[in-house]
N, C-alpha and C. Protein backbone atom coordinates (compact mmCIF):
# COMPACT_ATOMS: atom_id res chain seq x y z
N UNK A 1 23.92 76.49 -17.65
CA UNK A 1 24.85 76.84 -16.59
C UNK A 1 24.69 75.84 -15.45
N UNK A 2 25.74 75.70 -14.70
CA UNK A 2 25.81 74.73 -13.63
C UNK A 2 26.01 75.43 -12.30
N UNK A 3 25.33 74.95 -11.25
CA UNK A 3 25.59 75.49 -9.92
C UNK A 3 26.90 74.92 -9.40
N UNK A 4 27.71 75.77 -8.80
CA UNK A 4 28.95 75.32 -8.18
C UNK A 4 28.56 74.49 -6.97
N UNK A 5 29.23 73.38 -6.73
CA UNK A 5 28.84 72.50 -5.62
C UNK A 5 29.03 73.20 -4.28
N UNK A 6 28.18 72.87 -3.34
CA UNK A 6 28.38 73.43 -2.00
C UNK A 6 29.13 72.42 -1.15
N UNK A 7 29.51 72.82 0.03
CA UNK A 7 30.37 72.00 0.88
C UNK A 7 29.74 70.65 1.19
N UNK A 8 28.46 70.64 1.51
CA UNK A 8 27.82 69.37 1.88
C UNK A 8 27.89 68.36 0.74
N UNK A 9 27.62 68.80 -0.49
CA UNK A 9 27.70 67.89 -1.63
C UNK A 9 29.12 67.39 -1.83
N UNK A 10 30.07 68.26 -1.67
CA UNK A 10 31.48 67.87 -1.82
C UNK A 10 31.87 66.85 -0.77
N UNK A 11 31.43 67.08 0.48
CA UNK A 11 31.75 66.14 1.55
C UNK A 11 31.13 64.78 1.28
N UNK A 12 29.90 64.76 0.77
CA UNK A 12 29.23 63.49 0.46
C UNK A 12 30.02 62.71 -0.58
N UNK A 13 30.64 63.39 -1.51
CA UNK A 13 31.42 62.73 -2.55
C UNK A 13 32.86 62.51 -2.12
N UNK A 14 33.21 62.90 -0.91
CA UNK A 14 34.57 62.72 -0.42
C UNK A 14 35.57 63.67 -1.06
N UNK A 15 35.10 64.83 -1.55
CA UNK A 15 35.97 65.75 -2.27
C UNK A 15 36.38 66.96 -1.45
N UNK A 16 35.93 67.09 -0.22
CA UNK A 16 36.29 68.25 0.59
C UNK A 16 37.74 68.12 1.01
N UNK A 17 38.45 69.22 0.96
CA UNK A 17 39.85 69.22 1.39
C UNK A 17 39.89 69.13 2.92
N UNK A 18 40.49 68.08 3.45
CA UNK A 18 40.50 67.83 4.88
C UNK A 18 41.27 68.88 5.67
N UNK A 19 42.25 69.53 5.05
CA UNK A 19 43.12 70.43 5.79
C UNK A 19 42.57 71.85 5.92
N UNK A 20 41.38 72.13 5.41
CA UNK A 20 40.88 73.52 5.34
C UNK A 20 40.84 74.21 6.70
N UNK A 21 40.22 73.60 7.70
CA UNK A 21 40.10 74.28 9.00
C UNK A 21 41.46 74.53 9.62
N UNK A 22 42.33 73.54 9.58
CA UNK A 22 43.67 73.70 10.15
C UNK A 22 44.48 74.73 9.36
N UNK A 23 44.40 74.64 8.04
CA UNK A 23 45.17 75.52 7.17
C UNK A 23 44.70 76.96 7.29
N UNK A 24 43.41 77.20 7.38
CA UNK A 24 42.87 78.56 7.41
C UNK A 24 42.93 79.18 8.79
N UNK A 25 43.09 78.38 9.82
CA UNK A 25 43.08 78.91 11.17
C UNK A 25 44.44 79.26 11.73
N UNK A 26 45.49 79.08 10.94
CA UNK A 26 46.82 79.32 11.49
C UNK A 26 47.53 80.44 10.74
N UNK A 27 48.34 81.18 11.49
CA UNK A 27 49.15 82.25 10.91
C UNK A 27 50.60 81.99 11.27
N UNK A 28 51.59 82.35 10.53
CA UNK A 28 51.40 82.95 9.21
C UNK A 28 50.99 81.90 8.18
N UNK A 29 50.34 82.35 7.12
CA UNK A 29 49.95 81.47 6.03
C UNK A 29 50.94 81.65 4.91
N UNK A 30 51.55 80.56 4.49
CA UNK A 30 52.56 80.59 3.43
C UNK A 30 52.28 79.42 2.53
N UNK A 31 51.97 79.69 1.26
CA UNK A 31 51.63 78.63 0.33
C UNK A 31 52.34 78.82 -0.99
N UNK A 32 52.65 77.73 -1.64
CA UNK A 32 53.22 77.74 -2.97
C UNK A 32 52.04 77.75 -3.95
N UNK A 33 51.83 78.86 -4.66
CA UNK A 33 50.67 78.98 -5.54
C UNK A 33 50.74 78.04 -6.74
N UNK A 34 51.93 77.61 -7.14
CA UNK A 34 52.03 76.61 -8.21
C UNK A 34 51.48 75.27 -7.72
N UNK A 35 51.72 74.93 -6.46
CA UNK A 35 51.14 73.71 -5.89
C UNK A 35 49.62 73.82 -5.80
N UNK A 36 49.14 74.99 -5.39
CA UNK A 36 47.69 75.23 -5.32
C UNK A 36 47.08 75.07 -6.72
N UNK A 37 47.72 75.62 -7.72
CA UNK A 37 47.24 75.52 -9.10
C UNK A 37 47.15 74.06 -9.53
N UNK A 38 48.20 73.29 -9.25
CA UNK A 38 48.18 71.87 -9.62
C UNK A 38 47.06 71.13 -8.89
N UNK A 39 46.83 71.47 -7.63
CA UNK A 39 45.77 70.80 -6.88
C UNK A 39 44.40 71.09 -7.48
N UNK A 40 44.09 72.36 -7.74
CA UNK A 40 42.75 72.64 -8.26
C UNK A 40 42.55 72.03 -9.65
N UNK A 41 43.63 71.92 -10.44
CA UNK A 41 43.52 71.30 -11.76
C UNK A 41 43.26 69.80 -11.66
N UNK A 42 43.66 69.19 -10.55
CA UNK A 42 43.49 67.74 -10.40
C UNK A 42 42.11 67.35 -9.87
N UNK A 43 41.34 68.31 -9.43
CA UNK A 43 40.05 68.02 -8.79
C UNK A 43 38.90 67.98 -9.78
N UNK A 44 37.84 67.27 -9.38
CA UNK A 44 36.65 67.06 -10.21
C UNK A 44 36.03 68.37 -10.69
N UNK A 45 35.96 69.37 -9.83
CA UNK A 45 35.33 70.64 -10.20
C UNK A 45 36.00 71.24 -11.44
N UNK A 46 37.32 71.21 -11.49
CA UNK A 46 38.07 71.72 -12.64
C UNK A 46 37.80 70.87 -13.87
N UNK A 47 37.87 69.57 -13.70
CA UNK A 47 37.74 68.66 -14.83
C UNK A 47 36.33 68.65 -15.41
N UNK A 48 35.31 68.78 -14.56
CA UNK A 48 33.94 68.72 -15.05
C UNK A 48 33.36 70.08 -15.41
N UNK A 49 33.72 71.13 -14.67
CA UNK A 49 33.08 72.43 -14.86
C UNK A 49 34.01 73.52 -15.35
N UNK A 50 35.30 73.23 -15.46
CA UNK A 50 36.22 74.18 -16.04
C UNK A 50 36.64 75.31 -15.13
N UNK A 51 36.37 75.18 -13.84
CA UNK A 51 36.80 76.20 -12.87
C UNK A 51 36.93 75.54 -11.52
N UNK A 52 37.69 76.19 -10.65
CA UNK A 52 37.83 75.68 -9.29
C UNK A 52 38.43 76.80 -8.45
N UNK A 53 38.33 76.63 -7.15
CA UNK A 53 38.88 77.63 -6.24
C UNK A 53 39.48 76.95 -5.03
N UNK A 54 40.36 77.68 -4.35
CA UNK A 54 41.04 77.16 -3.18
C UNK A 54 41.13 78.30 -2.18
N UNK A 55 40.61 78.09 -0.98
CA UNK A 55 40.67 79.12 0.06
C UNK A 55 42.10 79.24 0.56
N UNK A 56 42.65 80.45 0.46
CA UNK A 56 44.02 80.69 0.91
C UNK A 56 44.07 81.22 2.33
N UNK A 57 43.12 82.09 2.69
CA UNK A 57 43.20 82.77 3.98
C UNK A 57 41.82 83.27 4.38
N UNK A 58 41.44 83.01 5.62
CA UNK A 58 40.20 83.53 6.20
C UNK A 58 40.53 84.07 7.58
N UNK A 59 40.21 85.34 7.82
CA UNK A 59 40.42 85.94 9.13
C UNK A 59 39.45 87.10 9.29
N UNK A 60 38.61 87.03 10.32
CA UNK A 60 37.63 88.08 10.52
C UNK A 60 36.77 88.26 9.29
N UNK A 61 36.72 89.48 8.78
CA UNK A 61 35.89 89.79 7.62
C UNK A 61 36.61 89.54 6.28
N UNK A 62 37.87 89.14 6.33
CA UNK A 62 38.66 88.97 5.11
C UNK A 62 38.64 87.53 4.62
N UNK A 63 38.38 87.36 3.33
CA UNK A 63 38.44 86.07 2.66
C UNK A 63 39.32 86.22 1.43
N UNK A 64 40.30 85.31 1.26
CA UNK A 64 41.18 85.36 0.10
C UNK A 64 41.19 83.97 -0.54
N UNK A 65 40.97 83.93 -1.84
CA UNK A 65 40.95 82.66 -2.55
C UNK A 65 41.74 82.70 -3.83
N UNK A 66 42.20 81.53 -4.24
CA UNK A 66 42.89 81.34 -5.51
C UNK A 66 41.87 80.72 -6.45
N UNK A 67 41.63 81.35 -7.59
CA UNK A 67 40.63 80.88 -8.53
C UNK A 67 41.29 80.53 -9.85
N UNK A 68 40.86 79.43 -10.46
CA UNK A 68 41.31 79.05 -11.79
C UNK A 68 40.11 78.90 -12.69
N UNK A 69 40.23 79.40 -13.93
CA UNK A 69 39.15 79.33 -14.91
C UNK A 69 39.71 78.84 -16.23
N UNK A 70 39.06 77.84 -16.82
CA UNK A 70 39.41 77.46 -18.18
C UNK A 70 38.77 78.47 -19.12
N UNK A 71 39.29 78.58 -20.35
CA UNK A 71 38.75 79.53 -21.32
C UNK A 71 37.24 79.36 -21.47
N UNK A 72 36.52 80.48 -21.42
CA UNK A 72 35.07 80.47 -21.60
C UNK A 72 34.27 80.24 -20.34
N UNK A 73 34.94 79.93 -19.22
CA UNK A 73 34.21 79.72 -17.97
C UNK A 73 34.35 80.96 -17.10
N UNK A 74 33.65 80.96 -15.98
CA UNK A 74 33.76 82.09 -15.06
C UNK A 74 32.73 82.02 -13.96
N UNK A 75 32.46 83.16 -13.39
CA UNK A 75 31.45 83.31 -12.34
C UNK A 75 30.44 84.30 -12.88
N UNK A 76 29.18 83.90 -12.95
CA UNK A 76 28.17 84.77 -13.56
C UNK A 76 27.24 85.39 -12.52
N UNK A 77 27.03 86.68 -12.67
CA UNK A 77 26.04 87.42 -11.91
C UNK A 77 26.13 87.15 -10.41
N UNK A 78 27.27 87.44 -9.85
CA UNK A 78 27.54 87.19 -8.43
C UNK A 78 27.55 88.51 -7.68
N UNK A 79 27.14 88.48 -6.42
CA UNK A 79 27.10 89.69 -5.60
C UNK A 79 27.58 89.34 -4.20
N UNK A 80 28.45 90.16 -3.65
CA UNK A 80 28.91 89.98 -2.28
C UNK A 80 28.64 91.26 -1.50
N UNK A 81 28.50 91.14 -0.21
CA UNK A 81 28.19 92.29 0.65
C UNK A 81 29.49 92.89 1.18
N UNK A 82 30.19 93.62 0.32
CA UNK A 82 31.45 94.21 0.75
C UNK A 82 32.31 94.62 -0.43
N UNK A 83 33.58 94.79 -0.16
CA UNK A 83 34.53 95.20 -1.18
C UNK A 83 35.30 93.99 -1.69
N UNK A 84 35.71 94.08 -2.94
CA UNK A 84 36.30 92.95 -3.63
C UNK A 84 37.50 93.42 -4.44
N UNK A 85 38.55 92.62 -4.48
CA UNK A 85 39.67 92.91 -5.36
C UNK A 85 40.05 91.63 -6.10
N UNK A 86 40.44 91.82 -7.35
CA UNK A 86 40.83 90.70 -8.20
C UNK A 86 42.21 91.02 -8.77
N UNK A 87 43.16 90.12 -8.52
CA UNK A 87 44.52 90.25 -9.06
C UNK A 87 44.74 89.06 -9.98
N UNK A 88 44.79 89.33 -11.28
CA UNK A 88 44.99 88.26 -12.26
C UNK A 88 46.47 87.91 -12.29
N UNK A 89 46.76 86.65 -12.04
CA UNK A 89 48.15 86.16 -12.04
C UNK A 89 48.58 85.69 -13.42
N UNK A 90 47.66 84.98 -14.10
CA UNK A 90 47.93 84.43 -15.43
C UNK A 90 46.65 84.54 -16.24
N UNK A 91 46.80 84.75 -17.55
CA UNK A 91 45.64 84.75 -18.43
C UNK A 91 45.01 86.12 -18.58
N UNK A 92 43.71 86.10 -18.93
CA UNK A 92 42.97 87.32 -19.20
C UNK A 92 41.49 87.06 -18.95
N UNK A 93 40.87 87.92 -18.15
CA UNK A 93 39.45 87.78 -17.83
C UNK A 93 38.72 89.09 -18.12
N UNK A 94 37.43 88.97 -18.35
CA UNK A 94 36.59 90.15 -18.51
C UNK A 94 35.71 90.26 -17.27
N UNK A 95 35.67 91.46 -16.70
CA UNK A 95 34.83 91.75 -15.53
C UNK A 95 33.72 92.67 -16.02
N UNK A 96 32.46 92.28 -15.78
CA UNK A 96 31.34 93.10 -16.22
C UNK A 96 30.22 93.02 -15.19
N UNK A 97 29.14 93.74 -15.47
CA UNK A 97 27.96 93.72 -14.61
C UNK A 97 27.87 94.93 -13.72
N UNK A 98 26.74 95.05 -13.03
CA UNK A 98 26.54 96.14 -12.09
C UNK A 98 26.53 97.51 -12.74
N UNK A 99 26.17 97.57 -14.03
CA UNK A 99 26.11 98.84 -14.72
C UNK A 99 27.46 99.38 -15.15
N UNK A 100 28.51 98.61 -14.95
CA UNK A 100 29.85 99.07 -15.31
C UNK A 100 30.19 98.69 -16.75
N UNK A 101 31.08 99.45 -17.36
CA UNK A 101 31.62 99.11 -18.66
C UNK A 101 32.54 97.91 -18.46
N UNK A 102 32.42 96.87 -19.30
CA UNK A 102 33.29 95.70 -19.12
C UNK A 102 34.77 96.08 -19.17
N UNK A 103 35.54 95.47 -18.29
CA UNK A 103 36.98 95.67 -18.23
C UNK A 103 37.67 94.35 -18.52
N UNK A 104 38.69 94.38 -19.36
CA UNK A 104 39.54 93.21 -19.55
C UNK A 104 40.75 93.38 -18.66
N UNK A 105 41.00 92.38 -17.83
CA UNK A 105 42.09 92.43 -16.87
C UNK A 105 43.03 91.27 -17.21
N UNK A 106 44.30 91.59 -17.47
CA UNK A 106 45.27 90.59 -17.86
C UNK A 106 46.23 90.25 -16.74
N UNK A 107 47.15 89.36 -17.06
CA UNK A 107 48.15 88.91 -16.09
C UNK A 107 48.87 90.09 -15.47
N UNK A 108 49.06 90.03 -14.17
CA UNK A 108 49.78 91.04 -13.39
C UNK A 108 48.99 92.33 -13.26
N UNK A 109 47.67 92.27 -13.51
CA UNK A 109 46.82 93.44 -13.34
C UNK A 109 45.84 93.21 -12.21
N UNK A 110 45.34 94.32 -11.67
CA UNK A 110 44.49 94.32 -10.48
C UNK A 110 43.28 95.19 -10.76
N UNK A 111 42.13 94.81 -10.19
CA UNK A 111 40.94 95.64 -10.26
C UNK A 111 40.21 95.53 -8.92
N UNK A 112 39.71 96.65 -8.43
CA UNK A 112 38.90 96.68 -7.22
C UNK A 112 37.45 96.92 -7.60
N UNK A 113 36.52 96.25 -6.92
CA UNK A 113 35.10 96.37 -7.23
C UNK A 113 34.28 96.62 -5.97
N UNK A 114 33.18 97.31 -6.16
CA UNK A 114 32.17 97.43 -5.11
C UNK A 114 31.34 96.17 -5.18
N UNK A 115 31.54 95.28 -4.23
CA UNK A 115 30.86 94.00 -4.24
C UNK A 115 29.36 94.10 -4.04
N UNK A 116 28.87 95.27 -3.63
CA UNK A 116 27.43 95.43 -3.41
C UNK A 116 26.67 95.37 -4.74
N UNK A 117 27.40 95.47 -5.85
CA UNK A 117 26.79 95.39 -7.17
C UNK A 117 27.12 94.03 -7.77
N UNK A 118 26.22 93.55 -8.61
CA UNK A 118 26.41 92.28 -9.28
C UNK A 118 27.59 92.38 -10.25
N UNK A 119 28.35 91.30 -10.35
CA UNK A 119 29.46 91.27 -11.30
C UNK A 119 29.57 89.88 -11.92
N UNK A 120 30.22 89.84 -13.08
CA UNK A 120 30.48 88.60 -13.80
C UNK A 120 31.95 88.58 -14.18
N UNK A 121 32.56 87.41 -14.05
CA UNK A 121 33.94 87.20 -14.48
C UNK A 121 33.91 86.12 -15.56
N UNK A 122 34.50 86.39 -16.71
CA UNK A 122 34.58 85.39 -17.77
C UNK A 122 36.01 85.35 -18.31
N UNK A 123 36.57 84.15 -18.35
CA UNK A 123 37.95 83.96 -18.82
C UNK A 123 38.00 83.91 -20.34
N UNK A 124 38.88 84.73 -20.92
CA UNK A 124 39.12 84.68 -22.37
C UNK A 124 40.05 83.52 -22.71
N UNK A 125 40.87 83.12 -21.77
CA UNK A 125 41.82 82.03 -21.92
C UNK A 125 42.00 81.42 -20.53
N UNK A 126 42.71 80.31 -20.42
CA UNK A 126 42.94 79.74 -19.10
C UNK A 126 43.56 80.81 -18.22
N UNK A 127 42.95 81.04 -17.05
CA UNK A 127 43.34 82.17 -16.20
C UNK A 127 43.31 81.78 -14.73
N UNK A 128 44.17 82.46 -13.97
CA UNK A 128 44.28 82.24 -12.53
C UNK A 128 44.32 83.60 -11.85
N UNK A 129 43.63 83.70 -10.72
CA UNK A 129 43.54 84.99 -10.03
C UNK A 129 43.44 84.79 -8.52
N UNK A 130 43.91 85.79 -7.80
CA UNK A 130 43.67 85.89 -6.37
C UNK A 130 42.48 86.83 -6.22
N UNK A 131 41.45 86.38 -5.54
CA UNK A 131 40.28 87.21 -5.30
C UNK A 131 40.13 87.36 -3.79
N UNK A 132 40.12 88.61 -3.34
CA UNK A 132 39.97 88.91 -1.91
C UNK A 132 38.69 89.69 -1.71
N UNK A 133 38.03 89.42 -0.59
CA UNK A 133 36.75 90.01 -0.27
C UNK A 133 36.73 90.41 1.19
N UNK A 134 36.25 91.62 1.47
CA UNK A 134 36.09 92.08 2.84
C UNK A 134 34.61 92.35 3.06
N UNK A 135 34.02 91.63 4.02
CA UNK A 135 32.60 91.76 4.33
C UNK A 135 32.30 93.18 4.83
N UNK A 136 31.27 93.81 4.30
CA UNK A 136 30.94 95.20 4.62
C UNK A 136 30.67 95.43 6.10
N UNK A 137 29.98 94.52 6.76
CA UNK A 137 29.63 94.72 8.17
C UNK A 137 30.71 94.19 9.11
N UNK A 138 31.82 93.74 8.53
CA UNK A 138 32.94 93.27 9.35
C UNK A 138 32.83 91.84 9.80
N UNK A 139 31.74 91.17 9.46
CA UNK A 139 31.54 89.78 9.87
C UNK A 139 31.26 88.95 8.63
N UNK A 140 32.22 88.15 8.23
CA UNK A 140 32.04 87.31 7.06
C UNK A 140 31.37 86.00 7.47
N UNK A 141 30.67 85.41 6.52
CA UNK A 141 30.05 84.12 6.77
C UNK A 141 31.14 83.07 6.94
N UNK A 142 30.85 81.98 7.66
CA UNK A 142 31.84 80.92 7.79
C UNK A 142 32.22 80.36 6.42
N UNK A 143 33.45 79.90 6.30
CA UNK A 143 33.89 79.30 5.04
C UNK A 143 33.05 78.08 4.74
N UNK A 144 32.55 77.99 3.51
CA UNK A 144 31.71 76.87 3.12
C UNK A 144 32.21 76.20 1.86
N UNK A 145 33.45 76.40 1.49
CA UNK A 145 33.91 75.86 0.22
C UNK A 145 33.31 76.68 -0.89
N UNK A 146 32.92 76.07 -1.97
CA UNK A 146 32.31 76.79 -3.09
C UNK A 146 30.91 77.23 -2.70
N UNK A 147 30.53 78.44 -3.08
CA UNK A 147 29.24 79.00 -2.70
C UNK A 147 28.11 78.38 -3.49
N UNK A 148 27.10 77.92 -2.78
CA UNK A 148 25.92 77.38 -3.43
C UNK A 148 25.21 78.54 -4.12
N UNK A 149 24.77 78.32 -5.33
CA UNK A 149 24.01 79.33 -6.04
C UNK A 149 24.86 80.21 -6.94
N UNK A 150 26.16 80.23 -6.77
CA UNK A 150 27.01 80.98 -7.70
C UNK A 150 26.93 80.27 -9.04
N UNK A 151 26.66 81.02 -10.08
CA UNK A 151 26.55 80.42 -11.40
C UNK A 151 27.90 80.47 -12.09
N UNK A 152 28.25 79.37 -12.74
CA UNK A 152 29.47 79.37 -13.53
C UNK A 152 29.07 79.21 -14.98
N UNK A 153 29.89 79.70 -15.87
CA UNK A 153 29.61 79.57 -17.29
C UNK A 153 30.54 78.54 -17.88
N UNK A 154 30.07 77.81 -18.82
CA UNK A 154 30.87 76.74 -19.44
C UNK A 154 30.71 76.81 -20.93
């Protein structure tokens, strides 16, 4: 398994998206998700590790991201301090961990999770999802790009 790159490593390689602070700090936020999909597919993270993400919206305790996974990849054994929702736009993923029975979530389906428990997402096929997270204490950490230490499967 490979660690997802953190912001500092991405910046060193010149791969950080320059518009993040400006894009995330303004309202209303309106984005073409097909353009977002094309962008994440064009980046090194997608090409080398089979997954990528794009921050769509950050405000207070709320974080919303667009995630893409190639078949067989995902996020392994991840835990967040708050509530989480996953809306699969395309494809099919399996959500497991935290003592829960694995759920297969397909295109146009939604699942809510208690982020206080560990969870794993694994794509059965190329898949795209909106993942939103609300920090339990109302204060989310600053946006850092991809989280250091999150394990991805390949």
